[in-house]
Amino acid sequence: MNFDRLSLDLFRKSKELFIKYSDMSKRYTKADLEEIVYKQLENLNAMHDLLGIMKFQNDLIQNINQTLREEIGQFKEQQVMYPTRRKSKS
């Protein structure tokens, strides 16, 4: 499951839970409270998964950036400066 799909599912579940339990005047049963806690646990696990994916992506980007910096440094060392004509004052 990719990052966008996981975050969209997490948002939908949170929205459904909020709509279902947004009436504060209602008295909740033990089963209702257990469902809320279970959904919160699911959301926390989904966020943990998303953070893991983001950390992995961040590590990949850092490694690619380091490689790119090294390649640019090597390219600059190998670069030959060609003489250019000076512009005459007219």
Protein backbone atom coordinates (compact mmCIF):
# COMPACT_ATOMS: atom_id res chain seq x y z
CA MET A 1 0.00 0.00 0.00
CA ASN A 2 1.50 3.32 -1.00
CA PHE A 3 1.84 6.49 1.06
CA ASP A 4 -1.09 8.39 -0.50
CA ARG A 5 -3.47 5.46 -0.15
CA LEU A 6 -2.55 4.93 3.51
CA SER A 7 -3.00 8.59 4.41
CA LEU A 8 -6.34 8.74 2.56
CA ASP A 9 -7.61 5.64 4.38
CA LEU A 10 -6.48 7.09 7.71
CA PHE A 11 -8.33 10.34 6.99
CA ARG A 12 -11.53 8.53 5.98
CA LYS A 13 -11.53 6.33 9.09
CA SER A 14 -10.97 9.33 11.34
CA LYS A 15 -13.75 11.26 9.63
CA GLU A 16 -16.19 8.34 9.95
CA LEU A 17 -15.35 7.92 13.62
CA PHE A 18 -15.78 11.64 14.29
CA ILE A 19 -19.18 11.75 12.56
CA LYS A 20 -20.38 8.66 14.40
CA TYR A 21 -19.38 9.88 17.87
CA SER A 22 -19.66 13.67 17.55
CA ASP A 23 -22.86 13.86 19.61
CA MET A 24 -21.50 14.69 23.07
CA SER A 25 -24.91 14.46 24.78
CA LYS A 26 -25.10 10.73 24.08
CA ARG A 27 -24.10 8.25 26.75
CA TYR A 28 -21.66 5.71 25.37
CA THR A 29 -21.74 2.02 26.15
CA LYS A 30 -18.67 0.00 26.94
CA ALA A 31 -18.85 -1.46 23.42
CA ASP A 32 -18.91 2.07 21.93
CA LEU A 33 -15.86 3.10 23.94
CA GLU A 34 -14.05 -0.10 23.00
CA GLU A 35 -14.76 0.61 19.33
CA ILE A 36 -13.41 4.16 19.69
CA VAL A 37 -10.24 2.93 21.37
CA TYR A 38 -9.79 0.19 18.76
CA LYS A 39 -10.19 2.71 15.91
CA GLN A 40 -7.70 5.04 17.60
CA LEU A 41 -5.25 2.14 17.87
CA GLU A 42 -5.75 1.39 14.17
CA ASN A 43 -5.11 5.04 13.35
CA LEU A 44 -1.96 5.10 15.48
CA ASN A 45 -0.68 1.97 13.75
CA ALA A 46 -1.44 3.49 10.35
CA MET A 47 0.41 6.69 11.34
CA HIS A 48 3.34 4.56 12.51
CA ASP A 49 3.41 2.86 9.12
CA LEU A 50 3.29 6.24 7.36
CA LEU A 51 6.15 7.55 9.48
CA GLY A 52 8.18 4.44 8.65
CA ILE A 53 7.57 5.00 4.94
CA MET A 54 8.50 8.67 5.22
CA LYS A 55 11.70 7.83 7.13
CA PHE A 56 12.66 5.30 4.46
CA GLN A 57 11.98 7.84 1.69
CA ASN A 58 13.98 10.48 3.57
CA ASP A 59 16.94 8.10 3.89
CA LEU A 60 16.79 7.37 0.15
CA ILE A 61 16.72 11.09 -0.66
CA GLN A 62 19.67 11.78 1.64
CA ASN A 63 21.71 8.99 0.05
CA ILE A 64 20.89 10.22 -3.45
CA ASN A 65 21.77 13.80 -2.50
CA GLN A 66 25.12 12.68 -1.06
CA THR A 67 25.91 10.71 -4.23
CA LEU A 68 24.92 13.71 -6.36
CA ARG A 69 27.17 16.04 -4.31
CA GLU A 70 30.10 13.66 -4.81
CA GLU A 71 29.47 13.37 -8.54
CA ILE A 72 29.22 17.16 -8.92
CA GLY A 73 32.50 17.54 -7.01
CA GLN A 74 34.21 15.04 -9.28
CA PHE A 75 32.81 16.77 -12.36
CA LYS A 76 34.07 20.16 -11.17
CA GLU A 77 37.56 18.71 -10.59
CA GLN A 78 37.65 17.28 -14.11
CA GLN A 79 36.28 20.40 -15.76
CA VAL A 80 38.70 22.08 -18.14
CA MET A 81 38.78 25.85 -18.32
CA TYR A 82 39.02 26.96 -21.95
CA PRO A 83 40.59 30.35 -22.69
CA THR A 84 38.22 33.00 -23.92
CA ARG A 85 38.91 36.14 -25.87
CA ARG A 86 38.87 39.34 -23.97
CA LYS A 87 36.42 41.91 -25.14
CA SER A 88 38.13 44.91 -26.66
CA LYS A 89 37.20 48.32 -25.41
CA SER A 90 35.61 50.37 -28.13
